[in-house]
Amino acid sequence: LPVSGLLIVWIYHIFREDKNQGTNMVIDAISSNREVTFGMAPAVFFGTLLTQLTGGSAGREGAALQMGGSIGGLMGTFWELDEKDKNT
């Protein structure tokens, strides 16, 4: 479990998610013009996967919200949606 913790820290560093605030960042992004980076999706996915494979405790709902917000933000940027539609 400690080795997987170090791997998770390394994964977050690789995807430049060192300052990731998790679910709170996604919720704050809805009410502001703050961007949710796409790097959050793979970092959260692999972090959650490693945690659960090594017997750690990680919830599914927070990870799903973070990955959905990250992928949704990327799609909104790709399709050049305005801020109202991105927040929806």
PDB file of N, CA and C in Angstrom:
ATOM      1  N   LEU A   1       0.821  -1.208   0.000  1.00  0.00           N
ATOM      2  CA  LEU A   1       0.000   0.000   0.000  1.00  0.00           C
ATOM      3  C   LEU A   1       0.864   1.271   0.000  1.00  0.00           C
ATOM      4  N   PRO A   2       1.950   1.345   0.793  1.00  0.00           N
ATOM      5  CA  PRO A   2       2.788   2.547   0.730  1.00  0.00           C
ATOM      6  C   PRO A   2       3.444   2.756  -0.636  1.00  0.00           C
ATOM      7  N   VAL A   3       3.831   1.669  -1.291  1.00  0.00           N
ATOM      8  CA  VAL A   3       4.445   1.787  -2.622  1.00  0.00           C
ATOM      9  C   VAL A   3       3.422   2.322  -3.617  1.00  0.00           C
ATOM     10  N   SER A   4       2.187   1.834  -3.533  1.00  0.00           N
ATOM     11  CA  SER A   4       1.159   2.350  -4.439  1.00  0.00           C
ATOM     12  C   SER A   4       0.875   3.825  -4.148  1.00  0.00           C
ATOM     13  N   GLY A   5       0.971   4.229  -2.884  1.00  0.00           N
ATOM     14  CA  GLY A   5       0.806   5.646  -2.548  1.00  0.00           C
ATOM     15  C   GLY A   5       1.857   6.506  -3.224  1.00  0.00           C
ATOM     16  N   LEU A   6       3.091   6.028  -3.236  1.00  0.00           N
ATOM     17  CA  LEU A   6       4.159   6.759  -3.926  1.00  0.00           C
ATOM     18  C   LEU A   6       3.921   6.790  -5.433  1.00  0.00           C
ATOM     19  N   LEU A   7       3.429   5.684  -5.983  1.00  0.00           N
ATOM     20  CA  LEU A   7       3.107   5.660  -7.412  1.00  0.00           C
ATOM     21  C   LEU A   7       1.985   6.645  -7.746  1.00  0.00           C
ATOM     22  N   ILE A   8       1.015   6.744  -6.876  1.00  0.00           N
ATOM     23  CA  ILE A   8      -0.094   7.682  -7.104  1.00  0.00           C
ATOM     24  C   ILE A   8       0.414   9.123  -7.087  1.00  0.00           C
ATOM     25  N   VAL A   9       1.282   9.441  -6.139  1.00  0.00           N
ATOM     26  CA  VAL A   9       1.872  10.787  -6.097  1.00  0.00           C
ATOM     27  C   VAL A   9       2.638  11.057  -7.384  1.00  0.00           C
ATOM     28  N   TRP A  10       3.376  10.072  -7.873  1.00  0.00           N
ATOM     29  CA  TRP A  10       4.143  10.220  -9.117  1.00  0.00           C
ATOM     30  C   TRP A  10       3.197  10.419 -10.305  1.00  0.00           C
ATOM     31  N   ILE A  11       2.089   9.660 -10.342  1.00  0.00           N
ATOM     32  CA  ILE A  11       1.117   9.800 -11.431  1.00  0.00           C
ATOM     33  C   ILE A  11       0.526  11.208 -11.444  1.00  0.00           C
ATOM     34  N   TYR A  12       0.136  11.712 -10.272  1.00  0.00           N
ATOM     35  CA  TYR A  12      -0.414  13.071 -10.202  1.00  0.00           C
ATOM     36  C   TYR A  12       0.631  14.103 -10.645  1.00  0.00           C
ATOM     37  N   HIS A  13       1.888  13.859 -10.329  1.00  0.00           N
ATOM     38  CA  HIS A  13       2.962  14.770 -10.744  1.00  0.00           C
ATOM     39  C   HIS A  13       3.139  14.730 -12.264  1.00  0.00           C
ATOM     40  N   ILE A  14       3.104  13.547 -12.860  1.00  0.00           N
ATOM     41  CA  ILE A  14       3.259  13.395 -14.310  1.00  0.00           C
ATOM     42  C   ILE A  14       2.149  14.139 -15.055  1.00  0.00           C
ATOM     43  N   PHE A  15       0.918  14.050 -14.564  1.00  0.00           N
ATOM     44  CA  PHE A  15      -0.212  14.711 -15.220  1.00  0.00           C
ATOM     45  C   PHE A  15      -0.398  16.155 -14.753  1.00  0.00           C
ATOM     46  N   ARG A  16       0.577  16.665 -14.004  1.00  0.00           N
ATOM     47  CA  ARG A  16       0.565  18.049 -13.508  1.00  0.00           C
ATOM     48  C   ARG A  16      -0.687  18.349 -12.680  1.00  0.00           C
ATOM     49  N   GLU A  17      -1.067  17.417 -11.854  1.00  0.00           N
ATOM     50  CA  GLU A  17      -2.229  17.569 -10.985  1.00  0.00           C
ATOM     51  C   GLU A  17      -1.795  17.673  -9.527  1.00  0.00           C
ATOM     52  N   ASP A  18      -0.591  18.205  -9.292  1.00  0.00           N
ATOM     53  CA  ASP A  18      -0.064  18.321  -7.931  1.00  0.00           C
ATOM     54  C   ASP A  18      -0.953  19.172  -7.037  1.00  0.00           C
ATOM     55  N   LYS A  19      -1.572  20.183  -7.597  1.00  0.00           N
ATOM     56  CA  LYS A  19      -2.400  21.100  -6.818  1.00  0.00           C
ATOM     57  C   LYS A  19      -3.884  20.779  -6.965  1.00  0.00           C
ATOM     58  N   ASN A  20      -4.183  19.575  -7.374  1.00  0.00           N
ATOM     59  CA  ASN A  20      -5.558  19.134  -7.567  1.00  0.00           C
ATOM     60  C   ASN A  20      -6.314  19.177  -6.242  1.00  0.00           C
ATOM     61  N   GLN A  21      -7.480  19.817  -6.249  1.00  0.00           N
ATOM     62  CA  GLN A  21      -8.304  19.921  -5.050  1.00  0.00           C
ATOM     63  C   GLN A  21      -9.459  18.930  -5.075  1.00  0.00           C
ATOM     64  N   GLY A  22      -9.445  18.023  -6.028  1.00  0.00           N
ATOM     65  CA  GLY A  22     -10.439  16.966  -6.075  1.00  0.00           C
ATOM     66  C   GLY A  22     -11.831  17.438  -6.448  1.00  0.00           C
ATOM     67  N   THR A  23     -12.802  16.850  -5.790  1.00  0.00           N
ATOM     68  CA  THR A  23     -14.205  17.122  -6.086  1.00  0.00           C
ATOM     69  C   THR A  23     -14.554  18.589  -5.882  1.00  0.00           C
ATOM     70  N   ASN A  24     -13.964  19.223  -4.890  1.00  0.00           N
ATOM     71  CA  ASN A  24     -14.239  20.645  -4.646  1.00  0.00           C
ATOM     72  C   ASN A  24     -13.848  21.504  -5.847  1.00  0.00           C
ATOM     73  N   MET A  25     -12.771  21.135  -6.546  1.00  0.00           N
ATOM     74  CA  MET A  25     -12.344  21.888  -7.719  1.00  0.00           C
ATOM     75  C   MET A  25     -13.396  21.792  -8.821  1.00  0.00           C
ATOM     76  N   VAL A  26     -13.997  20.633  -9.011  1.00  0.00           N
ATOM     77  CA  VAL A  26     -15.026  20.465 -10.032  1.00  0.00           C
ATOM     78  C   VAL A  26     -16.260  21.289  -9.674  1.00  0.00           C
ATOM     79  N   ILE A  27     -16.666  21.238  -8.427  1.00  0.00           N
ATOM     80  CA  ILE A  27     -17.838  22.003  -7.991  1.00  0.00           C
ATOM     81  C   ILE A  27     -17.588  23.499  -8.113  1.00  0.00           C
ATOM     82  N   ASP A  28     -16.394  23.970  -7.739  1.00  0.00           N
ATOM     83  CA  ASP A  28     -16.057  25.387  -7.873  1.00  0.00           C
ATOM     84  C   ASP A  28     -16.016  25.814  -9.342  1.00  0.00           C
ATOM     85  N   ALA A  29     -15.593  24.932 -10.226  1.00  0.00           N
ATOM     86  CA  ALA A  29     -15.500  25.267 -11.646  1.00  0.00           C
ATOM     87  C   ALA A  29     -16.873  25.512 -12.256  1.00  0.00           C
ATOM     88  N   ILE A  30     -17.906  24.905 -11.693  1.00  0.00           N
ATOM     89  CA  ILE A  30     -19.261  25.096 -12.215  1.00  0.00           C
ATOM     90  C   ILE A  30     -19.724  26.530 -12.003  1.00  0.00           C
ATOM     91  N   SER A  31     -19.365  27.121 -10.866  1.00  0.00           N
ATOM     92  CA  SER A  31     -19.847  28.473 -10.550  1.00  0.00           C
ATOM     93  C   SER A  31     -18.847  29.562 -10.911  1.00  0.00           C
ATOM     94  N   SER A  32     -17.732  29.214 -11.493  1.00  0.00           N
ATOM     95  CA  SER A  32     -16.742  30.219 -11.890  1.00  0.00           C
ATOM     96  C   SER A  32     -16.209  29.879 -13.267  1.00  0.00           C
ATOM     97  N   ASN A  33     -15.298  30.679 -13.744  1.00  0.00           N
ATOM     98  CA  ASN A  33     -14.699  30.443 -15.054  1.00  0.00           C
ATOM     99  C   ASN A  33     -13.458  29.564 -14.968  1.00  0.00           C
ATOM    100  N   ARG A  34     -13.305  28.884 -13.885  1.00  0.00           N
ATOM    101  CA  ARG A  34     -12.133  28.047 -13.671  1.00  0.00           C
ATOM    102  C   ARG A  34     -12.202  26.793 -14.541  1.00  0.00           C
ATOM    103  N   GLU A  35     -11.065  26.411 -15.105  1.00  0.00           N
ATOM    104  CA  GLU A  35     -10.998  25.236 -15.961  1.00  0.00           C
ATOM    105  C   GLU A  35     -10.677  23.991 -15.146  1.00  0.00           C
ATOM    106  N   VAL A  36     -11.263  22.879 -15.526  1.00  0.00           N
ATOM    107  CA  VAL A  36     -10.905  21.578 -14.971  1.00  0.00           C
ATOM    108  C   VAL A  36     -10.023  20.919 -16.019  1.00  0.00           C
ATOM    109  N   THR A  37      -8.800  20.620 -15.667  1.00  0.00           N
ATOM    110  CA  THR A  37      -7.843  20.097 -16.639  1.00  0.00           C
ATOM    111  C   THR A  37      -8.163  18.660 -17.019  1.00  0.00           C
ATOM    112  N   PHE A  38      -7.779  18.292 -18.236  1.00  0.00           N
ATOM    113  CA  PHE A  38      -8.032  16.932 -18.696  1.00  0.00           C
ATOM    114  C   PHE A  38      -7.138  15.925 -17.987  1.00  0.00           C
ATOM    115  N   GLY A  39      -5.988  16.365 -17.503  1.00  0.00           N
ATOM    116  CA  GLY A  39      -5.077  15.461 -16.807  1.00  0.00           C
ATOM    117  C   GLY A  39      -5.684  14.850 -15.555  1.00  0.00           C
ATOM    118  N   MET A  40      -6.745  15.464 -15.054  1.00  0.00           N
ATOM    119  CA  MET A  40      -7.390  14.945 -13.856  1.00  0.00           C
ATOM    120  C   MET A  40      -7.989  13.562 -14.113  1.00  0.00           C
ATOM    121  N   ALA A  41      -8.564  13.332 -15.289  1.00  0.00           N
ATOM    122  CA  ALA A  41      -9.241  12.067 -15.569  1.00  0.00           C
ATOM    123  C   ALA A  41      -8.305  10.863 -15.466  1.00  0.00           C
ATOM    124  N   PRO A  42      -7.184  10.835 -16.196  1.00  0.00           N
ATOM    125  CA  PRO A  42      -6.317   9.663 -16.064  1.00  0.00           C
ATOM    126  C   PRO A  42      -5.651   9.564 -14.695  1.00  0.00           C
ATOM    127  N   ALA A  43      -5.325  10.692 -14.084  1.00  0.00           N
ATOM    128  CA  ALA A  43      -4.696  10.657 -12.765  1.00  0.00           C
ATOM    129  C   ALA A  43      -5.638  10.043 -11.735  1.00  0.00           C
ATOM    130  N   VAL A  44      -6.891  10.469 -11.751  1.00  0.00           N
ATOM    131  CA  VAL A  44      -7.873   9.933 -10.802  1.00  0.00           C
ATOM    132  C   VAL A  44      -8.152   8.461 -11.103  1.00  0.00           C
ATOM    133  N   PHE A  45      -8.263   8.119 -12.374  1.00  0.00           N
ATOM    134  CA  PHE A  45      -8.540   6.730 -12.752  1.00  0.00           C
ATOM    135  C   PHE A  45      -7.437   5.794 -12.250  1.00  0.00           C
ATOM    136  N   PHE A  46      -6.195   6.117 -12.588  1.00  0.00           N
ATOM    137  CA  PHE A  46      -5.100   5.237 -12.184  1.00  0.00           C
ATOM    138  C   PHE A  46      -4.865   5.273 -10.675  1.00  0.00           C
ATOM    139  N   GLY A  47      -5.068   6.428 -10.070  1.00  0.00           N
ATOM    140  CA  GLY A  47      -4.932   6.521  -8.621  1.00  0.00           C
ATOM    141  C   GLY A  47      -5.957   5.671  -7.896  1.00  0.00           C
ATOM    142  N   THR A  48      -7.206   5.736  -8.348  1.00  0.00           N
ATOM    143  CA  THR A  48      -8.268   4.938  -7.745  1.00  0.00           C
ATOM    144  C   THR A  48      -8.035   3.448  -7.998  1.00  0.00           C
ATOM    145  N   LEU A  49      -7.615   3.115  -9.206  1.00  0.00           N
ATOM    146  CA  LEU A  49      -7.344   1.725  -9.540  1.00  0.00           C
ATOM    147  C   LEU A  49      -6.246   1.143  -8.651  1.00  0.00           C
ATOM    148  N   LEU A  50      -5.141   1.872  -8.518  1.00  0.00           N
ATOM    149  CA  LEU A  50      -4.045   1.406  -7.659  1.00  0.00           C
ATOM    150  C   LEU A  50      -4.486   1.291  -6.201  1.00  0.00           C
ATOM    151  N   THR A  51      -5.261   2.245  -5.748  1.00  0.00           N
ATOM    152  CA  THR A  51      -5.723   2.213  -4.359  1.00  0.00           C
ATOM    153  C   THR A  51      -6.562   0.972  -4.094  1.00  0.00           C
ATOM    154  N   GLN A  52      -7.511   0.701  -4.970  1.00  0.00           N
ATOM    155  CA  GLN A  52      -8.398  -0.436  -4.751  1.00  0.00           C
ATOM    156  C   GLN A  52      -7.698  -1.775  -4.969  1.00  0.00           C
ATOM    157  N   LEU A  53      -6.752  -1.829  -5.904  1.00  0.00           N
ATOM    158  CA  LEU A  53      -6.025  -3.079  -6.143  1.00  0.00           C
ATOM    159  C   LEU A  53      -5.124  -3.462  -4.970  1.00  0.00           C
ATOM    160  N   THR A  54      -4.671  -2.472  -4.234  1.00  0.00           N
ATOM    161  CA  THR A  54      -3.770  -2.762  -3.114  1.00  0.00           C
ATOM    162  C   THR A  54      -4.500  -2.800  -1.777  1.00  0.00           C
ATOM    163  N   GLY A  55      -5.810  -2.769  -1.805  1.00  0.00           N
ATOM    164  CA  GLY A  55      -6.573  -2.903  -0.571  1.00  0.00           C
ATOM    165  C   GLY A  55      -6.896  -1.595   0.118  1.00  0.00           C
ATOM    166  N   GLY A  56      -6.626  -0.487  -0.523  1.00  0.00           N
ATOM    167  CA  GLY A  56      -6.951   0.814   0.056  1.00  0.00           C
ATOM    168  C   GLY A  56      -8.434   1.108  -0.073  1.00  0.00           C
ATOM    169  N   SER A  57      -8.865   2.156   0.574  1.00  0.00           N
ATOM    170  CA  SER A  57     -10.263   2.543   0.544  1.00  0.00           C
ATOM    171  C   SER A  57     -10.421   3.804  -0.296  1.00  0.00           C
ATOM    172  N   ALA A  58     -11.154   3.694  -1.389  1.00  0.00           N
ATOM    173  CA  ALA A  58     -11.417   4.842  -2.256  1.00  0.00           C
ATOM    174  C   ALA A  58     -12.860   4.753  -2.732  1.00  0.00           C
ATOM    175  N   GLY A  59     -13.565   5.838  -2.620  1.00  0.00           N
ATOM    176  CA  GLY A  59     -14.952   5.855  -3.065  1.00  0.00           C
ATOM    177  C   GLY A  59     -15.060   5.955  -4.569  1.00  0.00           C
ATOM    178  N   ARG A  60     -16.180   5.542  -5.092  1.00  0.00           N
ATOM    179  CA  ARG A  60     -16.393   5.577  -6.541  1.00  0.00           C
ATOM    180  C   ARG A  60     -17.031   6.888  -6.992  1.00  0.00           C
ATOM    181  N   GLU A  61     -17.842   7.485  -6.137  1.00  0.00           N
ATOM    182  CA  GLU A  61     -18.612   8.654  -6.561  1.00  0.00           C
ATOM    183  C   GLU A  61     -17.718   9.865  -6.815  1.00  0.00           C
ATOM    184  N   GLY A  62     -16.794  10.130  -5.909  1.00  0.00           N
ATOM    185  CA  GLY A  62     -15.894  11.272  -6.082  1.00  0.00           C
ATOM    186  C   GLY A  62     -15.026  11.122  -7.321  1.00  0.00           C
ATOM    187  N   ALA A  63     -14.518   9.916  -7.538  1.00  0.00           N
ATOM    188  CA  ALA A  63     -13.694   9.666  -8.721  1.00  0.00           C
ATOM    189  C   ALA A  63     -14.507   9.845  -9.999  1.00  0.00           C
ATOM    190  N   ALA A  64     -15.743   9.362  -9.983  1.00  0.00           N
ATOM    191  CA  ALA A  64     -16.597   9.508 -11.162  1.00  0.00           C
ATOM    192  C   ALA A  64     -16.902  10.978 -11.444  1.00  0.00           C
ATOM    193  N   LEU A  65     -17.149  11.759 -10.400  1.00  0.00           N
ATOM    194  CA  LEU A  65     -17.421  13.181 -10.571  1.00  0.00           C
ATOM    195  C   LEU A  65     -16.199  13.900 -11.140  1.00  0.00           C
ATOM    196  N   GLN A  66     -15.021  13.580 -10.634  1.00  0.00           N
ATOM    197  CA  GLN A  66     -13.805  14.225 -11.109  1.00  0.00           C
ATOM    198  C   GLN A  66     -13.487  13.850 -12.554  1.00  0.00           C
ATOM    199  N   MET A  67     -13.622  12.575 -12.891  1.00  0.00           N
ATOM    200  CA  MET A  67     -13.359  12.160 -14.275  1.00  0.00           C
ATOM    201  C   MET A  67     -14.395  12.746 -15.228  1.00  0.00           C
ATOM    202  N   GLY A  68     -15.658  12.753 -14.823  1.00  0.00           N
ATOM    203  CA  GLY A  68     -16.705  13.326 -15.665  1.00  0.00           C
ATOM    204  C   GLY A  68     -16.515  14.818 -15.889  1.00  0.00           C
ATOM    205  N   GLY A  69     -16.132  15.536 -14.832  1.00  0.00           N
ATOM    206  CA  GLY A  69     -15.868  16.972 -14.971  1.00  0.00           C
ATOM    207  C   GLY A  69     -14.686  17.247 -15.883  1.00  0.00           C
ATOM    208  N   SER A  70     -13.668  16.428 -15.769  1.00  0.00           N
ATOM    209  CA  SER A  70     -12.477  16.595 -16.599  1.00  0.00           C
ATOM    210  C   SER A  70     -12.775  16.327 -18.073  1.00  0.00           C
ATOM    211  N   ILE A  71     -13.456  15.219 -18.341  1.00  0.00           N
ATOM    212  CA  ILE A  71     -13.786  14.874 -19.726  1.00  0.00           C
ATOM    213  C   ILE A  71     -14.806  15.855 -20.293  1.00  0.00           C
ATOM    214  N   GLY A  72     -15.783  16.263 -19.484  1.00  0.00           N
ATOM    215  CA  GLY A  72     -16.769  17.247 -19.930  1.00  0.00           C
ATOM    216  C   GLY A  72     -16.135  18.594 -20.251  1.00  0.00           C
ATOM    217  N   GLY A  73     -15.162  19.007 -19.445  1.00  0.00           N
ATOM    218  CA  GLY A  73     -14.459  20.261 -19.725  1.00  0.00           C
ATOM    219  C   GLY A  73     -13.695  20.206 -21.032  1.00  0.00           C
ATOM    220  N   LEU A  74     -13.061  19.071 -21.301  1.00  0.00           N
ATOM    221  CA  LEU A  74     -12.342  18.898 -22.564  1.00  0.00           C
ATOM    222  C   LEU A  74     -13.305  18.936 -23.742  1.00  0.00           C
ATOM    223  N   MET A  75     -14.443  18.280 -23.613  1.00  0.00           N
ATOM    224  CA  MET A  75     -15.425  18.271 -24.705  1.00  0.00           C
ATOM    225  C   MET A  75     -16.007  19.662 -24.938  1.00  0.00           C
ATOM    226  N   GLY A  76     -16.254  20.402 -23.862  1.00  0.00           N
ATOM    227  CA  GLY A  76     -16.765  21.760 -24.008  1.00  0.00           C
ATOM    228  C   GLY A  76     -15.781  22.670 -24.714  1.00  0.00           C
ATOM    229  N   THR A  77     -14.498  22.484 -24.421  1.00  0.00           N
ATOM    230  CA  THR A  77     -13.467  23.275 -25.099  1.00  0.00           C
ATOM    231  C   THR A  77     -13.356  22.857 -26.559  1.00  0.00           C
ATOM    232  N   PHE A  78     -13.395  21.555 -26.814  1.00  0.00           N
ATOM    233  CA  PHE A  78     -13.286  21.039 -28.181  1.00  0.00           C
ATOM    234  C   PHE A  78     -14.413  21.560 -29.062  1.00  0.00           C
ATOM    235  N   TRP A  79     -15.646  21.564 -28.531  1.00  0.00           N
ATOM    236  CA  TRP A  79     -16.792  22.013 -29.296  1.00  0.00           C
ATOM    237  C   TRP A  79     -17.036  23.514 -29.164  1.00  0.00           C
ATOM    238  N   GLU A  80     -16.121  24.211 -28.500  1.00  0.00           N
ATOM    239  CA  GLU A  80     -16.168  25.666 -28.346  1.00  0.00           C
ATOM    240  C   GLU A  80     -17.508  26.143 -27.781  1.00  0.00           C
ATOM    241  N   LEU A  81     -17.957  25.487 -26.730  1.00  0.00           N
ATOM    242  CA  LEU A  81     -19.205  25.886 -26.079  1.00  0.00           C
ATOM    243  C   LEU A  81     -18.983  27.150 -25.255  1.00  0.00           C
ATOM    244  N   ASP A  82     -20.030  27.951 -25.092  1.00  0.00           N
ATOM    245  CA  ASP A  82     -19.906  29.123 -24.238  1.00  0.00           C
ATOM    246  C   ASP A  82     -19.917  28.686 -22.772  1.00  0.00           C
ATOM    247  N   GLU A  83     -19.638  29.613 -21.871  1.00  0.00           N
ATOM    248  CA  GLU A  83     -19.494  29.273 -20.448  1.00  0.00           C
ATOM    249  C   GLU A  83     -20.765  28.696 -19.852  1.00  0.00           C
ATOM    250  N   LYS A  84     -21.929  29.217 -20.268  1.00  0.00           N
ATOM    251  CA  LYS A  84     -23.199  28.710 -19.737  1.00  0.00           C
ATOM    252  C   LYS A  84     -23.370  27.239 -20.084  1.00  0.00           C
ATOM    253  N   ASP A  85     -23.113  26.895 -21.348  1.00  0.00           N
ATOM    254  CA  ASP A  85     -23.279  25.505 -21.775  1.00  0.00           C
ATOM    255  C   ASP A  85     -22.207  24.587 -21.155  1.00  0.00           C
ATOM    256  N   LYS A  86     -20.999  25.099 -20.981  1.00  0.00           N
ATOM    257  CA  LYS A  86     -19.950  24.298 -20.328  1.00  0.00           C
ATOM    258  C   LYS A  86     -20.349  23.976 -18.896  1.00  0.00           C
ATOM    259  N   ASN A  87     -20.894  24.935 -18.190  1.00  0.00           N
ATOM    260  CA  ASN A  87     -21.288  24.713 -16.799  1.00  0.00           C
ATOM    261  C   ASN A  87     -22.446  23.742 -16.687  1.00  0.00           C
ATOM    262  N   THR A  88     -23.318  23.729 -17.684  1.00  0.00           N
ATOM    263  CA  THR A  88     -24.438  22.794 -17.673  1.00  0.00           C
ATOM    264  C   THR A  88     -23.944  21.386 -17.855  1.00  0.00           C
TER     265      THR A  88
END
